[in-house]
All heavy atoms as atom14 arrays in JSON, in Angstrom:
{
  "sequence": "GRDVTIVPFEEQYSKAFRELNVEWISTYFKMEEKD",
  "atom14_mask": [
    [1, 1, 1, 1, 0, 0, 0, 0, 0, 0, 0, 0, 0, 0],
    [1, 1, 1, 1, 1, 1, 1, 1, 1, 1, 1, 0, 0, 0],
    [1, 1, 1, 1, 1, 1, 1, 1, 0, 0, 0, 0, 0, 0],
    [1, 1, 1, 1, 1, 1, 1, 0, 0, 0, 0, 0, 0, 0],
    [1, 1, 1, 1, 1, 1, 1, 0, 0, 0, 0, 0, 0, 0],
    [1, 1, 1, 1, 1, 1, 1, 1, 0, 0, 0, 0, 0, 0],
    [1, 1, 1, 1, 1, 1, 1, 0, 0, 0, 0, 0, 0, 0],
    [1, 1, 1, 1, 1, 1, 1, 0, 0, 0, 0, 0, 0, 0],
    [1, 1, 1, 1, 1, 1, 1, 1, 1, 1, 1, 0, 0, 0],
    [1, 1, 1, 1, 1, 1, 1, 1, 1, 0, 0, 0, 0, 0],
    [1, 1, 1, 1, 1, 1, 1, 1, 1, 0, 0, 0, 0, 0],
    [1, 1, 1, 1, 1, 1, 1, 1, 1, 0, 0, 0, 0, 0],
    [1, 1, 1, 1, 1, 1, 1, 1, 1, 1, 1, 1, 0, 0],
    [1, 1, 1, 1, 1, 1, 0, 0, 0, 0, 0, 0, 0, 0],
    [1, 1, 1, 1, 1, 1, 1, 1, 1, 0, 0, 0, 0, 0],
    [1, 1, 1, 1, 1, 0, 0, 0, 0, 0, 0, 0, 0, 0],
    [1, 1, 1, 1, 1, 1, 1, 1, 1, 1, 1, 0, 0, 0],
    [1, 1, 1, 1, 1, 1, 1, 1, 1, 1, 1, 0, 0, 0],
    [1, 1, 1, 1, 1, 1, 1, 1, 1, 0, 0, 0, 0, 0],
    [1, 1, 1, 1, 1, 1, 1, 1, 0, 0, 0, 0, 0, 0],
    [1, 1, 1, 1, 1, 1, 1, 1, 0, 0, 0, 0, 0, 0],
    [1, 1, 1, 1, 1, 1, 1, 0, 0, 0, 0, 0, 0, 0],
    [1, 1, 1, 1, 1, 1, 1, 1, 1, 0, 0, 0, 0, 0],
    [1, 1, 1, 1, 1, 1, 1, 1, 1, 1, 1, 1, 1, 1],
    [1, 1, 1, 1, 1, 1, 1, 1, 0, 0, 0, 0, 0, 0],
    [1, 1, 1, 1, 1, 1, 0, 0, 0, 0, 0, 0, 0, 0],
    [1, 1, 1, 1, 1, 1, 1, 0, 0, 0, 0, 0, 0, 0],
    [1, 1, 1, 1, 1, 1, 1, 1, 1, 1, 1, 1, 0, 0],
    [1, 1, 1, 1, 1, 1, 1, 1, 1, 1, 1, 0, 0, 0],
    [1, 1, 1, 1, 1, 1, 1, 1, 1, 0, 0, 0, 0, 0],
    [1, 1, 1, 1, 1, 1, 1, 1, 0, 0, 0, 0, 0, 0],
    [1, 1, 1, 1, 1, 1, 1, 1, 1, 0, 0, 0, 0, 0],
    [1, 1, 1, 1, 1, 1, 1, 1, 1, 0, 0, 0, 0, 0],
    [1, 1, 1, 1, 1, 1, 1, 1, 1, 0, 0, 0, 0, 0],
    [1, 1, 1, 1, 1, 1, 1, 1, 0, 0, 0, 0, 0, 0]
  ],
  "atom14_positions": [
    [[-21.92, -58.29, 56.63], [-22.58, -59.44, 57.23], [-24.09, -59.31, 57.27], [-24.81, -60.31, 57.27], [0.0, 0.0, 0.0], [0.0, 0.0, 0.0], [0.0, 0.0, 0.0], [0.0, 0.0, 0.0], [0.0, 0.0, 0.0], [0.0, 0.0, 0.0], [0.0, 0.0, 0.0], [0.0, 0.0, 0.0], [0.0, 0.0, 0.0], [0.0, 0.0, 0.0]],
    [[-24.57, -58.05, 57.25], [-26.02, -57.85, 57.25], [-26.64, -58.23, 55.9], [-27.87, -58.37, 55.8], [-26.33, -56.39, 57.6], [-26.07, -56.06, 59.07], [-26.62, -54.7, 59.45], [-25.74, -53.63, 59.06], [-24.77, -53.12, 59.82], [-24.56, -53.62, 61.03], [-24.02, -52.13, 59.39], [0.0, 0.0, 0.0], [0.0, 0.0, 0.0], [0.0, 0.0, 0.0]],
    [[-25.79, -58.39, 54.88], [-26.28, -58.83, 53.57], [-26.11, -60.34, 53.38], [-26.33, -60.85, 52.28], [-25.53, -58.09, 52.45], [-25.89, -56.61, 52.38], [-27.08, -56.3, 52.61], [-25.01, -55.79, 52.12], [0.0, 0.0, 0.0], [0.0, 0.0, 0.0], [0.0, 0.0, 0.0], [0.0, 0.0, 0.0], [0.0, 0.0, 0.0], [0.0, 0.0, 0.0]],
    [[-25.65, -61.02, 54.45], [-25.46, -62.47, 54.39], [-26.63, -63.17, 55.06], [-27.05, -62.8, 56.16], [-24.14, -62.89, 55.08], [-23.99, -64.41, 55.08], [-22.95, -62.24, 54.39], [0.0, 0.0, 0.0], [0.0, 0.0, 0.0], [0.0, 0.0, 0.0], [0.0, 0.0, 0.0], [0.0, 0.0, 0.0], [0.0, 0.0, 0.0], [0.0, 0.0, 0.0]],
    [[-27.16, -64.16, 54.38], [-28.25, -64.97, 54.93], [-27.81, -66.43, 54.94], [-27.27, -66.93, 53.94], [-29.52, -64.84, 54.07], [-29.86, -63.46, 53.91], [-30.69, -65.58, 54.72], [0.0, 0.0, 0.0], [0.0, 0.0, 0.0], [0.0, 0.0, 0.0], [0.0, 0.0, 0.0], [0.0, 0.0, 0.0], [0.0, 0.0, 0.0], [0.0, 0.0, 0.0]],
    [[-28.01, -67.1, 56.06], [-27.7, -68.53, 56.17], [-28.99, -69.3, 55.98], [-29.96, -69.11, 56.72], [-27.07, -68.87, 57.53], [-25.86, -67.97, 57.82], [-26.66, -70.34, 57.56], [-24.72, -68.1, 56.86], [0.0, 0.0, 0.0], [0.0, 0.0, 0.0], [0.0, 0.0, 0.0], [0.0, 0.0, 0.0], [0.0, 0.0, 0.0], [0.0, 0.0, 0.0]],
    [[-29.02, -70.17, 54.96], [-30.24, -70.92, 54.64], [-29.95, -72.41, 54.59], [-28.81, -72.83, 54.36], [-30.82, -70.45, 53.28], [-31.17, -68.98, 53.32], [-29.85, -70.75, 52.14], [0.0, 0.0, 0.0], [0.0, 0.0, 0.0], [0.0, 0.0, 0.0], [0.0, 0.0, 0.0], [0.0, 0.0, 0.0], [0.0, 0.0, 0.0], [0.0, 0.0, 0.0]],
    [[-30.99, -73.24, 54.79], [-30.81, -74.7, 54.68], [-30.54, -75.1, 53.23], [-30.93, -74.41, 52.28], [-32.15, -75.26, 55.16], [-32.84, -74.13, 55.86], [-32.36, -72.88, 55.23], [0.0, 0.0, 0.0], [0.0, 0.0, 0.0], [0.0, 0.0, 0.0], [0.0, 0.0, 0.0], [0.0, 0.0, 0.0], [0.0, 0.0, 0.0], [0.0, 0.0, 0.0]],
    [[-29.9, -76.23, 53.07], [-29.57, -76.74, 51.74], [-30.82, -77.12, 50.97], [-31.77, -77.68, 51.52], [-28.68, -77.98, 51.9], [-28.29, -78.63, 50.61], [-27.24, -78.15, 49.85], [-29.0, -79.74, 50.14], [-26.88, -78.77, 48.66], [-28.65, -80.36, 48.95], [-27.58, -79.87, 48.2], [0.0, 0.0, 0.0], [0.0, 0.0, 0.0], [0.0, 0.0, 0.0]],
    [[-30.8, -76.78, 49.68], [-31.83, -77.23, 48.75], [-31.12, -77.74, 47.5], [-29.95, -77.44, 47.26], [-32.77, -76.08, 48.38], [-33.58, -75.53, 49.55], [-34.48, -74.37, 49.13], [-34.62, -74.16, 47.9], [-35.01, -73.69, 50.01], [0.0, 0.0, 0.0], [0.0, 0.0, 0.0], [0.0, 0.0, 0.0], [0.0, 0.0, 0.0], [0.0, 0.0, 0.0]],
    [[-31.82, -78.46, 46.69], [-31.22, -79.07, 45.5], [-30.58, -78.01, 44.6], [-29.55, -78.27, 43.96], [-32.28, -79.85, 44.72], [-31.73, -80.59, 43.5], [-30.65, -81.6, 43.85], [-30.71, -82.2, 44.95], [-29.73, -81.78, 43.02], [0.0, 0.0, 0.0], [0.0, 0.0, 0.0], [0.0, 0.0, 0.0], [0.0, 0.0, 0.0], [0.0, 0.0, 0.0]],
    [[-31.15, -76.83, 44.58], [-30.6, -75.76, 43.71], [-29.2, -75.33, 44.12], [-28.48, -74.7, 43.34], [-31.53, -74.55, 43.73], [-31.67, -73.91, 45.12], [-32.53, -72.68, 45.11], [-32.37, -71.8, 44.27], [-33.49, -72.61, 46.04], [0.0, 0.0, 0.0], [0.0, 0.0, 0.0], [0.0, 0.0, 0.0], [0.0, 0.0, 0.0], [0.0, 0.0, 0.0]],
    [[-28.79, -75.7, 45.34], [-27.46, -75.32, 45.81], [-26.44, -76.46, 45.67], [-25.3, -76.33, 46.12], [-27.52, -74.88, 47.27], [-28.45, -73.71, 47.51], [-29.44, -73.77, 48.5], [-28.34, -72.55, 46.76], [-30.29, -72.71, 48.72], [-29.19, -71.47, 46.97], [-30.17, -71.56, 47.95], [-31.02, -70.49, 48.16], [0.0, 0.0, 0.0], [0.0, 0.0, 0.0]],
    [[-26.83, -77.56, 45.06], [-25.93, -78.71, 44.91], [-24.66, -78.33, 44.16], [-23.54, -78.71, 44.54], [-26.63, -79.86, 44.18], [-27.68, -80.37, 44.95], [0.0, 0.0, 0.0], [0.0, 0.0, 0.0], [0.0, 0.0, 0.0], [0.0, 0.0, 0.0], [0.0, 0.0, 0.0], [0.0, 0.0, 0.0], [0.0, 0.0, 0.0], [0.0, 0.0, 0.0]],
    [[-24.83, -77.59, 43.07], [-23.68, -77.2, 42.26], [-22.74, -76.31, 43.06], [-21.5, -76.5, 43.02], [-24.16, -76.48, 41.0], [-23.03, -76.07, 40.06], [-23.57, -75.36, 38.83], [-22.43, -74.92, 37.9], [-22.92, -74.17, 36.72], [0.0, 0.0, 0.0], [0.0, 0.0, 0.0], [0.0, 0.0, 0.0], [0.0, 0.0, 0.0], [0.0, 0.0, 0.0]],
    [[-23.28, -75.34, 43.78], [-22.45, -74.44, 44.58], [-21.73, -75.21, 45.68], [-20.54, -74.96, 45.94], [-23.3, -73.33, 45.19], [0.0, 0.0, 0.0], [0.0, 0.0, 0.0], [0.0, 0.0, 0.0], [0.0, 0.0, 0.0], [0.0, 0.0, 0.0], [0.0, 0.0, 0.0], [0.0, 0.0, 0.0], [0.0, 0.0, 0.0], [0.0, 0.0, 0.0]],
    [[-22.41, -76.16, 46.32], [-21.8, -76.96, 47.39], [-20.58, -77.7, 46.85], [-19.51, -77.72, 47.48], [-22.83, -77.94, 47.95], [-22.3, -78.82, 49.05], [-21.84, -78.27, 50.24], [-22.28, -80.2, 48.89], [-21.36, -79.08, 51.26], [-21.79, -81.02, 49.91], [-21.34, -80.45, 51.09], [0.0, 0.0, 0.0], [0.0, 0.0, 0.0], [0.0, 0.0, 0.0]],
    [[-20.73, -78.28, 45.68], [-19.61, -79.03, 45.09], [-18.5, -78.09, 44.63], [-17.33, -78.28, 44.96], [-20.1, -79.88, 43.92], [-19.04, -80.82, 43.38], [-19.51, -81.57, 42.15], [-18.67, -82.71, 41.87], [-17.44, -82.65, 41.34], [-16.93, -81.47, 41.02], [-16.74, -83.75, 41.13], [0.0, 0.0, 0.0], [0.0, 0.0, 0.0], [0.0, 0.0, 0.0]],
    [[-18.85, -77.07, 43.86], [-17.83, -76.21, 43.26], [-17.03, -75.43, 44.3], [-15.81, -75.27, 44.15], [-18.49, -75.26, 42.25], [-18.99, -75.96, 41.0], [-19.6, -75.0, 39.99], [-19.8, -73.81, 40.36], [-19.85, -75.42, 38.85], [0.0, 0.0, 0.0], [0.0, 0.0, 0.0], [0.0, 0.0, 0.0], [0.0, 0.0, 0.0], [0.0, 0.0, 0.0]],
    [[-17.7, -74.93, 45.31], [-16.98, -74.17, 46.34], [-15.98, -75.05, 47.08], [-14.85, -74.64, 47.37], [-17.97, -73.55, 47.33], [-18.79, -72.37, 46.81], [-19.9, -72.01, 47.79], [-17.89, -71.16, 46.57], [0.0, 0.0, 0.0], [0.0, 0.0, 0.0], [0.0, 0.0, 0.0], [0.0, 0.0, 0.0], [0.0, 0.0, 0.0], [0.0, 0.0, 0.0]],
    [[-16.37, -76.3, 47.37], [-15.47, -77.2, 48.07], [-14.33, -77.68, 47.18], [-13.18, -77.77, 47.62], [-16.25, -78.4, 48.62], [-16.73, -78.16, 50.04], [-15.97, -78.2, 50.99], [-18.03, -77.9, 50.16], [0.0, 0.0, 0.0], [0.0, 0.0, 0.0], [0.0, 0.0, 0.0], [0.0, 0.0, 0.0], [0.0, 0.0, 0.0], [0.0, 0.0, 0.0]],
    [[-14.63, -77.99, 45.93], [-13.58, -78.43, 45.0], [-12.55, -77.31, 44.83], [-11.33, -77.56, 44.83], [-14.18, -78.83, 43.63], [-13.07, -79.02, 42.6], [-14.99, -80.11, 43.77], [0.0, 0.0, 0.0], [0.0, 0.0, 0.0], [0.0, 0.0, 0.0], [0.0, 0.0, 0.0], [0.0, 0.0, 0.0], [0.0, 0.0, 0.0], [0.0, 0.0, 0.0]],
    [[-13.04, -76.08, 44.69], [-12.14, -74.94, 44.54], [-11.24, -74.79, 45.76], [-10.02, -74.61, 45.63], [-12.95, -73.66, 44.33], [-12.1, -72.4, 44.19], [-12.93, -71.14, 44.04], [-14.05, -71.1, 44.6], [-12.46, -70.2, 43.38], [0.0, 0.0, 0.0], [0.0, 0.0, 0.0], [0.0, 0.0, 0.0], [0.0, 0.0, 0.0], [0.0, 0.0, 0.0]],
    [[-11.83, -74.89, 46.94], [-11.06, -74.7, 48.18], [-10.06, -75.84, 48.38], [-8.87, -75.6, 48.65], [-12.02, -74.63, 49.36], [-11.29, -74.47, 50.67], [-10.86, -73.31, 51.23], [-10.9, -75.52, 51.56], [-10.21, -73.57, 52.41], [-10.22, -74.91, 52.64], [-11.04, -76.91, 51.54], [-9.69, -75.66, 53.7], [-10.51, -77.63, 52.6], [-9.85, -77.01, 53.66]],
    [[-10.52, -77.09, 48.27], [-9.64, -78.23, 48.5], [-8.5, -78.26, 47.48], [-7.33, -78.47, 47.83], [-10.43, -79.55, 48.45], [-11.44, -79.6, 49.61], [-9.49, -80.76, 48.54], [-12.45, -80.73, 49.5], [0.0, 0.0, 0.0], [0.0, 0.0, 0.0], [0.0, 0.0, 0.0], [0.0, 0.0, 0.0], [0.0, 0.0, 0.0], [0.0, 0.0, 0.0]],
    [[-8.83, -78.03, 46.21], [-7.81, -78.1, 45.15], [-6.78, -76.99, 45.26], [-5.66, -77.13, 44.76], [-8.49, -78.03, 43.77], [-9.4, -79.1, 43.61], [0.0, 0.0, 0.0], [0.0, 0.0, 0.0], [0.0, 0.0, 0.0], [0.0, 0.0, 0.0], [0.0, 0.0, 0.0], [0.0, 0.0, 0.0], [0.0, 0.0, 0.0], [0.0, 0.0, 0.0]],
    [[-7.14, -75.89, 45.91], [-6.19, -74.79, 46.08], [-5.05, -75.18, 47.0], [-3.89, -74.79, 46.78], [-6.9, -73.54, 46.65], [-7.9, -73.11, 45.73], [-5.91, -72.4, 46.89], [0.0, 0.0, 0.0], [0.0, 0.0, 0.0], [0.0, 0.0, 0.0], [0.0, 0.0, 0.0], [0.0, 0.0, 0.0], [0.0, 0.0, 0.0], [0.0, 0.0, 0.0]],
    [[-5.34, -75.98, 48.01], [-4.34, -76.31, 49.02], [-3.9, -77.78, 49.01], [-2.78, -78.08, 49.39], [-4.88, -75.96, 50.42], [-5.2, -74.51, 50.59], [-6.5, -74.04, 50.47], [-4.19, -73.59, 50.86], [-6.79, -72.68, 50.64], [-4.47, -72.24, 51.03], [-5.77, -71.79, 50.92], [-6.05, -70.45, 51.07], [0.0, 0.0, 0.0], [0.0, 0.0, 0.0]],
    [[-4.81, -78.66, 48.59], [-4.53, -80.09, 48.69], [-4.96, -80.78, 47.39], [-4.93, -80.16, 46.33], [-5.28, -80.7, 49.89], [-5.07, -79.94, 51.17], [-6.04, -79.08, 51.67], [-3.88, -80.08, 51.89], [-5.84, -78.37, 52.84], [-3.67, -79.37, 53.06], [-4.66, -78.52, 53.54], [0.0, 0.0, 0.0], [0.0, 0.0, 0.0], [0.0, 0.0, 0.0]],
    [[-5.34, -82.04, 47.49], [-5.88, -82.77, 46.36], [-7.18, -83.42, 46.79], [-7.37, -83.78, 47.96], [-4.89, -83.82, 45.87], [-4.62, -84.94, 46.85], [-3.67, -85.98, 46.27], [-3.45, -87.12, 47.28], [-2.54, -88.16, 46.75], [0.0, 0.0, 0.0], [0.0, 0.0, 0.0], [0.0, 0.0, 0.0], [0.0, 0.0, 0.0], [0.0, 0.0, 0.0]],
    [[-8.08, -83.56, 45.86], [-9.36, -84.2, 46.15], [-9.14, -85.68, 46.48], [-8.33, -86.36, 45.84], [-10.29, -84.07, 44.95], [-10.75, -82.65, 44.68], [-12.01, -82.09, 45.85], [-13.4, -83.12, 45.35], [0.0, 0.0, 0.0], [0.0, 0.0, 0.0], [0.0, 0.0, 0.0], [0.0, 0.0, 0.0], [0.0, 0.0, 0.0], [0.0, 0.0, 0.0]],
    [[-9.88, -86.18, 47.49], [-9.78, -87.58, 47.88], [-11.13, -88.26, 47.67], [-12.16, -87.61, 47.46], [-9.33, -87.68, 49.35], [-7.97, -87.04, 49.61], [-7.54, -87.12, 51.07], [-7.81, -88.17, 51.71], [-6.94, -86.16, 51.57], [0.0, 0.0, 0.0], [0.0, 0.0, 0.0], [0.0, 0.0, 0.0], [0.0, 0.0, 0.0], [0.0, 0.0, 0.0]],
    [[-11.13, -89.57, 47.76], [-12.34, -90.35, 47.48], [-13.5, -89.94, 48.38], [-14.64, -89.81, 47.94], [-12.05, -91.85, 47.66], [-13.24, -92.76, 47.37], [-13.78, -92.6, 45.95], [-12.98, -92.28, 45.03], [-15.0, -92.76, 45.75], [0.0, 0.0, 0.0], [0.0, 0.0, 0.0], [0.0, 0.0, 0.0], [0.0, 0.0, 0.0], [0.0, 0.0, 0.0]],
    [[-13.21, -89.71, 49.66], [-14.26, -89.32, 50.59], [-14.87, -87.97, 50.18], [-16.06, -87.72, 50.4], [-13.7, -89.22, 52.01], [-13.37, -90.55, 52.64], [-14.6, -91.27, 53.13], [-15.19, -90.59, 54.35], [-16.37, -91.31, 54.89], [0.0, 0.0, 0.0], [0.0, 0.0, 0.0], [0.0, 0.0, 0.0], [0.0, 0.0, 0.0], [0.0, 0.0, 0.0]],
    [[-14.06, -87.09, 49.59], [-14.57, -85.81, 49.12], [-15.59, -86.01, 48.01], [-16.68, -85.42, 48.03], [-13.42, -84.93, 48.6], [-12.44, -84.53, 49.69], [-12.9, -84.15, 50.77], [-11.23, -84.61, 49.43], [0.0, 0.0, 0.0], [0.0, 0.0, 0.0], [0.0, 0.0, 0.0], [0.0, 0.0, 0.0], [0.0, 0.0, 0.0], [0.0, 0.0, 0.0]]
  ]
}
């Protein structure tokens, strides 16, 4: 945890924001329009 840093969102993290959520949601459920 000492190697983890929590930072505010920037445009460079857009891809990670999408991919991490798609991976998680698709593992258990299905993507919905609101997603």
